[in-house]
Amino acid sequence: MPTVHLLIKGKVQGVSYRFSTREIAGKLSITGWVKNTAEGHVEAMATGNEEALQRFIAWCRKGPRGALVTDVVITPQQETPFKGFLITR
């Protein structure tokens, strides 16, 4: 299954972005992790089937209520298996 790295920019901290990301990942059977960055962005790594990943990415471009996403930088990665979807620091 494909793996992607996402760097989500905009007003994405302080709006429950990470928690909402974990919730949507669970619904889509996406595994990986999400965390805040020191620069004020949110960073994520996600593995799943192509259709689920595309839906996950589409959600990340919008985010939860209160978020204002200005850019999502997507970088394909070598397939990486994860156990579940974690919020990291």
N, C-alpha and C. Protein backbone atom coordinates (compact mmCIF):
# COMPACT_ATOMS: atom_id res chain seq x y z
N MET A 1 0.84 -1.19 0.00
CA MET A 1 0.00 0.00 0.00
C MET A 1 0.88 1.24 0.00
N PRO A 2 0.44 2.27 -0.68
CA PRO A 2 1.25 3.49 -0.74
C PRO A 2 1.34 4.23 0.60
N THR A 3 2.44 4.94 0.76
CA THR A 3 2.68 5.78 1.93
C THR A 3 3.00 7.19 1.46
N VAL A 4 2.46 8.19 2.15
CA VAL A 4 2.75 9.58 1.82
C VAL A 4 3.10 10.35 3.09
N HIS A 5 3.94 11.35 2.91
CA HIS A 5 4.26 12.30 3.97
C HIS A 5 3.51 13.58 3.62
N LEU A 6 2.85 14.18 4.62
CA LEU A 6 2.11 15.41 4.39
C LEU A 6 2.61 16.49 5.34
N LEU A 7 2.78 17.68 4.82
CA LEU A 7 3.08 18.86 5.62
C LEU A 7 1.92 19.81 5.40
N ILE A 8 1.13 20.01 6.44
CA ILE A 8 -0.09 20.81 6.33
C ILE A 8 0.18 22.17 6.95
N LYS A 9 -0.03 23.22 6.14
CA LYS A 9 0.29 24.58 6.57
C LYS A 9 -0.98 25.41 6.70
N GLY A 10 -0.89 26.44 7.50
CA GLY A 10 -2.02 27.35 7.72
C GLY A 10 -2.33 27.43 9.20
N LYS A 11 -3.57 27.77 9.51
CA LYS A 11 -4.01 27.79 10.91
C LYS A 11 -4.46 26.36 11.25
N VAL A 12 -3.49 25.55 11.70
CA VAL A 12 -3.76 24.13 11.92
C VAL A 12 -3.39 23.66 13.32
N GLN A 13 -2.90 24.56 14.15
CA GLN A 13 -2.63 24.20 15.54
C GLN A 13 -3.64 24.93 16.43
N GLY A 14 -4.05 24.25 17.49
CA GLY A 14 -5.04 24.84 18.39
C GLY A 14 -6.47 24.69 17.92
N VAL A 15 -6.69 23.82 16.92
CA VAL A 15 -8.04 23.62 16.37
C VAL A 15 -8.42 22.13 16.35
N SER A 16 -7.73 21.33 17.15
CA SER A 16 -7.96 19.87 17.22
C SER A 16 -7.66 19.16 15.90
N TYR A 17 -6.73 19.70 15.14
CA TYR A 17 -6.39 19.11 13.85
C TYR A 17 -5.86 17.69 14.01
N ARG A 18 -4.92 17.48 14.94
CA ARG A 18 -4.33 16.15 15.10
C ARG A 18 -5.37 15.12 15.55
N PHE A 19 -6.20 15.48 16.49
CA PHE A 19 -7.21 14.55 16.98
C PHE A 19 -8.23 14.21 15.89
N SER A 20 -8.63 15.22 15.13
CA SER A 20 -9.56 14.99 14.03
C SER A 20 -8.91 14.13 12.94
N THR A 21 -7.62 14.34 12.72
CA THR A 21 -6.89 13.55 11.71
C THR A 21 -6.87 12.09 12.12
N ARG A 22 -6.62 11.82 13.40
CA ARG A 22 -6.61 10.44 13.89
C ARG A 22 -7.99 9.81 13.71
N GLU A 23 -9.03 10.57 13.96
CA GLU A 23 -10.39 10.06 13.82
C GLU A 23 -10.70 9.69 12.37
N ILE A 24 -10.39 10.58 11.43
CA ILE A 24 -10.68 10.31 10.02
C ILE A 24 -9.80 9.17 9.50
N ALA A 25 -8.56 9.10 9.97
CA ALA A 25 -7.67 8.00 9.58
C ALA A 25 -8.28 6.66 10.00
N GLY A 26 -8.82 6.60 11.21
CA GLY A 26 -9.45 5.38 11.69
C GLY A 26 -10.63 4.97 10.83
N LYS A 27 -11.44 5.93 10.44
CA LYS A 27 -12.60 5.65 9.60
C LYS A 27 -12.20 5.14 8.22
N LEU A 28 -11.03 5.58 7.74
CA LEU A 28 -10.57 5.20 6.40
C LEU A 28 -9.56 4.04 6.42
N SER A 29 -9.30 3.49 7.58
CA SER A 29 -8.30 2.41 7.74
C SER A 29 -6.91 2.85 7.29
N ILE A 30 -6.59 4.10 7.57
CA ILE A 30 -5.26 4.65 7.30
C ILE A 30 -4.41 4.43 8.55
N THR A 31 -3.17 4.02 8.37
CA THR A 31 -2.25 3.90 9.50
C THR A 31 -1.15 4.94 9.35
N GLY A 32 -0.48 5.26 10.46
CA GLY A 32 0.61 6.24 10.41
C GLY A 32 0.66 7.06 11.68
N TRP A 33 0.98 8.34 11.51
CA TRP A 33 1.09 9.24 12.66
C TRP A 33 0.85 10.68 12.23
N VAL A 34 0.61 11.54 13.23
CA VAL A 34 0.43 12.97 13.00
C VAL A 34 1.03 13.71 14.18
N LYS A 35 1.62 14.89 13.92
CA LYS A 35 2.20 15.69 15.00
C LYS A 35 2.25 17.16 14.59
N ASN A 36 2.36 18.02 15.60
CA ASN A 36 2.59 19.45 15.37
C ASN A 36 4.08 19.65 15.11
N THR A 37 4.41 20.70 14.35
CA THR A 37 5.81 21.05 14.15
C THR A 37 6.10 22.35 14.90
N ALA A 38 7.36 22.59 15.16
CA ALA A 38 7.78 23.81 15.85
C ALA A 38 7.46 25.05 15.03
N GLU A 39 7.33 24.89 13.70
CA GLU A 39 7.05 26.02 12.82
C GLU A 39 5.56 26.39 12.77
N GLY A 40 4.72 25.62 13.47
CA GLY A 40 3.29 25.92 13.48
C GLY A 40 2.48 25.13 12.48
N HIS A 41 3.10 24.15 11.83
CA HIS A 41 2.41 23.31 10.86
C HIS A 41 1.99 22.01 11.52
N VAL A 42 1.34 21.15 10.75
CA VAL A 42 1.06 19.78 11.17
C VAL A 42 1.73 18.87 10.15
N GLU A 43 2.37 17.82 10.64
CA GLU A 43 3.07 16.87 9.79
C GLU A 43 2.43 15.50 10.00
N ALA A 44 2.29 14.73 8.92
CA ALA A 44 1.70 13.40 9.03
C ALA A 44 2.37 12.44 8.06
N MET A 45 2.34 11.18 8.43
CA MET A 45 2.76 10.09 7.56
C MET A 45 1.58 9.14 7.53
N ALA A 46 1.18 8.72 6.33
CA ALA A 46 -0.02 7.91 6.20
C ALA A 46 0.18 6.79 5.19
N THR A 47 -0.31 5.61 5.54
CA THR A 47 -0.27 4.44 4.66
C THR A 47 -1.69 3.89 4.54
N GLY A 48 -2.08 3.55 3.32
CA GLY A 48 -3.40 2.97 3.10
C GLY A 48 -3.59 2.67 1.63
N ASN A 49 -4.76 2.13 1.28
CA ASN A 49 -4.99 1.88 -0.14
C ASN A 49 -5.18 3.22 -0.85
N GLU A 50 -5.01 3.21 -2.14
CA GLU A 50 -4.98 4.46 -2.93
C GLU A 50 -6.25 5.29 -2.74
N GLU A 51 -7.41 4.65 -2.81
CA GLU A 51 -8.67 5.38 -2.67
C GLU A 51 -8.79 6.03 -1.29
N ALA A 52 -8.46 5.27 -0.26
CA ALA A 52 -8.53 5.80 1.11
C ALA A 52 -7.54 6.94 1.30
N LEU A 53 -6.34 6.79 0.75
CA LEU A 53 -5.35 7.87 0.87
C LEU A 53 -5.82 9.14 0.19
N GLN A 54 -6.45 9.01 -0.97
CA GLN A 54 -6.94 10.20 -1.67
C GLN A 54 -8.04 10.89 -0.86
N ARG A 55 -8.89 10.12 -0.23
CA ARG A 55 -9.93 10.70 0.62
C ARG A 55 -9.31 11.36 1.85
N PHE A 56 -8.29 10.73 2.42
CA PHE A 56 -7.59 11.28 3.58
C PHE A 56 -6.92 12.61 3.21
N ILE A 57 -6.24 12.64 2.07
CA ILE A 57 -5.57 13.86 1.61
C ILE A 57 -6.60 14.97 1.37
N ALA A 58 -7.73 14.62 0.76
CA ALA A 58 -8.78 15.62 0.52
C ALA A 58 -9.27 16.20 1.84
N TRP A 59 -9.43 15.35 2.86
CA TRP A 59 -9.84 15.84 4.17
C TRP A 59 -8.76 16.76 4.76
N CYS A 60 -7.49 16.36 4.63
CA CYS A 60 -6.39 17.16 5.17
C CYS A 60 -6.33 18.55 4.54
N ARG A 61 -6.75 18.67 3.30
CA ARG A 61 -6.76 19.99 2.62
C ARG A 61 -7.80 20.92 3.23
N LYS A 62 -8.79 20.35 3.90
CA LYS A 62 -9.84 21.14 4.54
C LYS A 62 -9.64 21.21 6.05
N GLY A 63 -9.43 20.04 6.67
CA GLY A 63 -9.23 19.97 8.12
C GLY A 63 -10.52 20.11 8.89
N PRO A 64 -10.41 20.15 10.21
CA PRO A 64 -11.60 20.27 11.06
C PRO A 64 -12.12 21.70 11.08
N ARG A 65 -13.28 21.85 11.68
CA ARG A 65 -13.85 23.19 11.87
C ARG A 65 -12.84 24.05 12.64
N GLY A 66 -12.64 25.26 12.21
CA GLY A 66 -11.70 26.16 12.86
C GLY A 66 -10.34 26.21 12.19
N ALA A 67 -10.03 25.19 11.39
CA ALA A 67 -8.75 25.19 10.67
C ALA A 67 -8.86 26.03 9.41
N LEU A 68 -7.73 26.59 9.00
CA LEU A 68 -7.65 27.30 7.73
C LEU A 68 -6.38 26.80 7.04
N VAL A 69 -6.54 25.76 6.23
CA VAL A 69 -5.41 25.14 5.55
C VAL A 69 -5.06 25.98 4.32
N THR A 70 -3.79 26.38 4.24
CA THR A 70 -3.34 27.18 3.09
C THR A 70 -2.53 26.35 2.09
N ASP A 71 -1.95 25.22 2.54
CA ASP A 71 -1.15 24.38 1.65
C ASP A 71 -0.96 23.01 2.27
N VAL A 72 -0.91 22.00 1.42
CA VAL A 72 -0.57 20.64 1.84
C VAL A 72 0.50 20.15 0.88
N VAL A 73 1.70 19.95 1.41
CA VAL A 73 2.81 19.45 0.61
C VAL A 73 2.83 17.94 0.78
N ILE A 74 2.67 17.22 -0.33
CA ILE A 74 2.57 15.77 -0.30
C ILE A 74 3.83 15.19 -0.95
N THR A 75 4.49 14.29 -0.22
CA THR A 75 5.69 13.65 -0.73
C THR A 75 5.50 12.13 -0.63
N PRO A 76 5.47 11.44 -1.79
CA PRO A 76 5.38 9.98 -1.74
C PRO A 76 6.60 9.39 -1.03
N GLN A 77 6.36 8.33 -0.28
CA GLN A 77 7.41 7.66 0.48
C GLN A 77 7.44 6.19 0.11
N GLN A 78 8.52 5.53 0.48
CA GLN A 78 8.57 4.08 0.34
C GLN A 78 7.53 3.50 1.29
N GLU A 79 6.85 2.44 0.87
CA GLU A 79 5.79 1.86 1.71
C GLU A 79 6.31 1.56 3.11
N THR A 80 5.58 2.06 4.08
CA THR A 80 5.95 1.90 5.48
C THR A 80 4.76 1.35 6.25
N PRO A 81 4.87 0.17 6.84
CA PRO A 81 3.76 -0.36 7.64
C PRO A 81 3.75 0.27 9.03
N PHE A 82 2.57 0.61 9.50
CA PHE A 82 2.38 1.16 10.84
C PHE A 82 1.32 0.33 11.54
N LYS A 83 1.35 0.34 12.86
CA LYS A 83 0.30 -0.29 13.65
C LYS A 83 -0.60 0.82 14.16
N GLY A 84 -1.74 0.98 13.55
CA GLY A 84 -2.67 2.03 13.97
C GLY A 84 -2.27 3.40 13.49
N PHE A 85 -2.91 4.42 14.04
CA PHE A 85 -2.62 5.81 13.69
C PHE A 85 -2.44 6.57 14.99
N LEU A 86 -1.24 7.11 15.20
CA LEU A 86 -0.86 7.73 16.47
C LEU A 86 -0.67 9.23 16.36
N ILE A 87 -0.96 9.90 17.45
CA ILE A 87 -0.58 11.31 17.61
C ILE A 87 0.75 11.29 18.34
N THR A 88 1.78 11.87 17.72
CA THR A 88 3.10 11.90 18.34
C THR A 88 3.48 13.32 18.69
N ARG A 89 4.61 13.46 19.37
CA ARG A 89 5.08 14.80 19.74
C ARG A 89 6.31 15.15 18.97
